[in-house]
C-alpha atoms as a PDB file:
ATOM      1  CA  GLN A   1     112.291 -15.078  99.763  1.00  0.00           C
ATOM      2  CA  VAL A   2     111.911 -11.409 100.494  1.00  0.00           C
ATOM      3  CA  GLN A   3     108.833  -9.197 100.478  1.00  0.00           C
ATOM      4  CA  LEU A   4     109.119  -6.030  98.408  1.00  0.00           C
ATOM      5  CA  VAL A   5     106.937  -2.913  98.453  1.00  0.00           C
ATOM      6  CA  GLU A   6     107.254  -0.283  95.758  1.00  0.00           C
ATOM      7  CA  SER A   7     106.199   3.347  96.104  1.00  0.00           C
ATOM      8  CA  GLY A   8     106.701   6.695  94.424  1.00  0.00           C
ATOM      9  CA  GLY A   9     104.805   6.246  91.203  1.00  0.00           C
ATOM     10  CA  GLY A  10     102.406   8.823  89.857  1.00  0.00           C
ATOM     11  CA  LEU A  11     101.456  11.114  87.013  1.00  0.00           C
ATOM     12  CA  VAL A  12     104.119  13.448  85.643  1.00  0.00           C
ATOM     13  CA  GLN A  13     104.535  15.566  82.540  1.00  0.00           C
ATOM     14  CA  ALA A  14     107.130  14.715  79.921  1.00  0.00           C
ATOM     15  CA  GLY A  15     110.517  16.022  80.972  1.00  0.00           C
ATOM     16  CA  GLY A  16     109.710  15.621  84.646  1.00  0.00           C
ATOM     17  CA  SER A  17     111.194  13.376  87.313  1.00  0.00           C
ATOM     18  CA  LEU A  18     110.085  10.717  89.756  1.00  0.00           C
ATOM     19  CA  ARG A  19     111.901   8.624  92.332  1.00  0.00           C
ATOM     20  CA  LEU A  20     110.666   5.125  92.962  1.00  0.00           C
ATOM     21  CA  SER A  21     111.445   3.264  96.162  1.00  0.00           C
ATOM     22  CA  CYS A  22     111.494  -0.455  96.858  1.00  0.00           C
ATOM     23  CA  ALA A  23     111.460  -1.398 100.524  1.00  0.00           C
ATOM     24  CA  ALA A  24     112.537  -4.925 101.407  1.00  0.00           C
ATOM     25  CA  SER A  25     111.410  -7.003 104.379  1.00  0.00           C
ATOM     26  CA  ARG A  26     114.956  -8.028 105.246  1.00  0.00           C
ATOM     27  CA  SER A  27     118.509  -6.870 104.829  1.00  0.00           C
ATOM     28  CA  ILE A  28     119.479  -6.342 101.202  1.00  0.00           C
ATOM     29  CA  PHE A  29     123.198  -6.235 101.950  1.00  0.00           C
ATOM     30  CA  THR A  30     123.867  -9.702 100.583  1.00  0.00           C
ATOM     31  CA  ILE A  31     121.088  -9.944  98.019  1.00  0.00           C
ATOM     32  CA  TYR A  32     122.699 -10.912  94.717  1.00  0.00           C
ATOM     33  CA  THR A  33     120.827  -8.447  92.515  1.00  0.00           C
ATOM     34  CA  MET A  34     118.038  -5.941  92.985  1.00  0.00           C
ATOM     35  CA  ASN A  35     116.246  -4.971  89.815  1.00  0.00           C
ATOM     36  CA  TRP A  36     113.587  -2.710  88.370  1.00  0.00           C
ATOM     37  CA  TYR A  37     111.314  -3.927  85.603  1.00  0.00           C
ATOM     38  CA  ARG A  38     108.426  -2.227  83.846  1.00  0.00           C
ATOM     39  CA  GLN A  39     105.430  -3.331  81.859  1.00  0.00           C
ATOM     40  CA  ALA A  40     103.624  -1.046  79.463  1.00  0.00           C
ATOM     41  CA  PRO A  41     100.031  -1.786  78.409  1.00  0.00           C
ATOM     42  CA  GLY A  42      99.959  -4.587  75.875  1.00  0.00           C
ATOM     43  CA  LYS A  43     103.690  -5.205  76.132  1.00  0.00           C
ATOM     44  CA  GLN A  44     105.913  -7.716  77.850  1.00  0.00           C
ATOM     45  CA  ARG A  45     107.650  -6.911  81.105  1.00  0.00           C
ATOM     46  CA  GLU A  46     111.143  -5.603  80.457  1.00  0.00           C
ATOM     47  CA  SER A  47     114.241  -5.059  82.551  1.00  0.00           C
ATOM     48  CA  VAL A  48     115.029  -1.421  83.271  1.00  0.00           C
ATOM     49  CA  ALA A  49     117.900  -1.359  85.753  1.00  0.00           C
ATOM     50  CA  THR A  50     119.977  -3.685  87.912  1.00  0.00           C
ATOM     51  CA  ILE A  51     122.243  -3.241  90.917  1.00  0.00           C
ATOM     52  CA  THR A  52     124.386  -6.001  92.384  1.00  0.00           C
ATOM     53  CA  SER A  53     125.434  -6.599  95.979  1.00  0.00           C
ATOM     54  CA  ARG A  54     128.773  -5.049  95.057  1.00  0.00           C
ATOM     55  CA  GLY A  55     127.098  -1.931  93.682  1.00  0.00           C
ATOM     56  CA  SER A  56     127.595  -2.582  89.990  1.00  0.00           C
ATOM     57  CA  THR A  57     124.777  -1.216  87.876  1.00  0.00           C
ATOM     58  CA  GLY A  58     123.276  -1.893  84.479  1.00  0.00           C
ATOM     59  CA  TYR A  59     120.567  -0.212  82.433  1.00  0.00           C
ATOM     60  CA  ALA A  60     118.373  -0.792  79.441  1.00  0.00           C
ATOM     61  CA  ASP A  61     119.518   1.249  76.462  1.00  0.00           C
ATOM     62  CA  SER A  62     116.224   3.141  76.469  1.00  0.00           C
ATOM     63  CA  VAL A  63     116.881   4.622  79.924  1.00  0.00           C
ATOM     64  CA  LYS A  64     120.670   5.067  79.977  1.00  0.00           C
ATOM     65  CA  GLY A  65     121.636   8.572  80.996  1.00  0.00           C
ATOM     66  CA  ARG A  66     118.155   9.298  82.364  1.00  0.00           C
ATOM     67  CA  PHE A  67     117.571   6.714  85.105  1.00  0.00           C
ATOM     68  CA  THR A  68     119.777   5.903  88.081  1.00  0.00           C
ATOM     69  CA  ILE A  69     119.440   2.875  90.344  1.00  0.00           C
ATOM     70  CA  SER A  70     120.865   3.000  93.847  1.00  0.00           C
ATOM     71  CA  ARG A  71     120.626   1.113  97.108  1.00  0.00           C
ATOM     72  CA  ASP A  72     120.640   2.114 100.768  1.00  0.00           C
ATOM     73  CA  ASN A  73     121.594  -1.000 102.697  1.00  0.00           C
ATOM     74  CA  ALA A  74     120.893   0.679 106.038  1.00  0.00           C
ATOM     75  CA  LYS A  75     117.280   1.267 105.009  1.00  0.00           C
ATOM     76  CA  ASN A  76     116.875  -2.003 103.091  1.00  0.00           C
ATOM     77  CA  THR A  77     115.686   0.089 100.154  1.00  0.00           C
ATOM     78  CA  VAL A  78     116.488   0.351  96.477  1.00  0.00           C
ATOM     79  CA  TYR A  79     115.676   3.470  94.491  1.00  0.00           C
ATOM     80  CA  LEU A  80     115.121   4.331  90.867  1.00  0.00           C
ATOM     81  CA  GLN A  81     115.637   8.001  90.060  1.00  0.00           C
ATOM     82  CA  MET A  82     113.936   8.766  86.773  1.00  0.00           C
ATOM     83  CA  ASN A  83     114.708  12.035  85.006  1.00  0.00           C
ATOM     84  CA  SER A  84     113.739  13.458  81.627  1.00  0.00           C
ATOM     85  CA  LEU A  85     110.724  11.188  81.558  1.00  0.00           C
ATOM     86  CA  LYS A  86     109.072  10.400  78.251  1.00  0.00           C
ATOM     87  CA  PRO A  87     105.545   9.160  77.480  1.00  0.00           C
ATOM     88  CA  GLU A  88     107.060   5.826  76.465  1.00  0.00           C
ATOM     89  CA  ASP A  89     108.270   5.375  80.060  1.00  0.00           C
ATOM     90  CA  THR A  90     104.638   4.903  81.081  1.00  0.00           C
ATOM     91  CA  GLY A  91     103.892   1.565  82.699  1.00  0.00           C
ATOM     92  CA  VAL A  92     103.792  -0.403  85.906  1.00  0.00           C
ATOM     93  CA  TYR A  93     107.205  -0.532  87.532  1.00  0.00           C
ATOM     94  CA  TYR A  94     108.126  -3.617  89.536  1.00  0.00           C
ATOM     95  CA  CYS A  95     110.915  -4.248  91.976  1.00  0.00           C
ATOM     96  CA  ASN A  96     112.603  -7.630  91.857  1.00  0.00           C
ATOM     97  CA  ALA A  97     115.149  -9.356  94.071  1.00  0.00           C
ATOM     98  CA  VAL A  98     117.291 -12.356  93.255  1.00  0.00           C
ATOM     99  CA  VAL A  99     118.807 -13.456  96.545  1.00  0.00           C
ATOM    100  CA  THR A 100     121.343 -15.924  95.192  1.00  0.00           C
ATOM    101  CA  PRO A 101     122.692 -16.553  91.670  1.00  0.00           C
ATOM    102  CA  GLY A 102     120.200 -18.695  89.806  1.00  0.00           C
ATOM    103  CA  GLY A 103     117.724 -18.476  92.643  1.00  0.00           C
ATOM    104  CA  ASP A 104     114.036 -17.640  92.467  1.00  0.00           C
ATOM    105  CA  ALA A 105     113.051 -14.019  92.121  1.00  0.00           C
ATOM    106  CA  SER A 106     110.817 -12.139  94.524  1.00  0.00           C
ATOM    107  CA  TRP A 107     108.531  -9.457  93.107  1.00  0.00           C
ATOM    108  CA  GLY A 108     106.737  -6.451  94.477  1.00  0.00           C
ATOM    109  CA  GLN A 109     103.172  -5.527  93.594  1.00  0.00           C
ATOM    110  CA  GLY A 110     104.192  -2.723  91.249  1.00  0.00           C
ATOM    111  CA  THR A 111     103.674   1.023  91.108  1.00  0.00           C
ATOM    112  CA  GLN A 112     102.088   2.905  88.216  1.00  0.00           C
ATOM    113  CA  VAL A 113     104.062   5.570  86.374  1.00  0.00           C
ATOM    114  CA  THR A 114     102.215   7.688  83.842  1.00  0.00           C
ATOM    115  CA  VAL A 115     104.019  10.290  81.736  1.00  0.00           C
ATOM    116  CA  SER A 116     101.804  12.714  79.857  1.00  0.00           C
ATOM    117  CA  SER A 117     102.906  14.459  76.674  1.00  0.00           C
END
């Protein structure tokens, strides 16, 4: 298990940018995947972006070309750079870590992102 703390959320106008951070309680160098999810009001939690221990990335179609996930192993931190934000990006953003393939996931407490039109 690993403890995760998200930060960087806030209120931004459509077209603006935010960078979310996810600080882990231990080294992330060997963590299998680090992920960002989001949950909009009244909707199910959905995967937004993934980064593997090897640095491979994946994105939901709705954020491709606008969001970038990255990791700084020296700081035990994963980032989500969000550009060209849209009102539909509004929600609580959660960081998630899967330490080993098929293992249990650890979750952060979430950070609110609100995009006004």
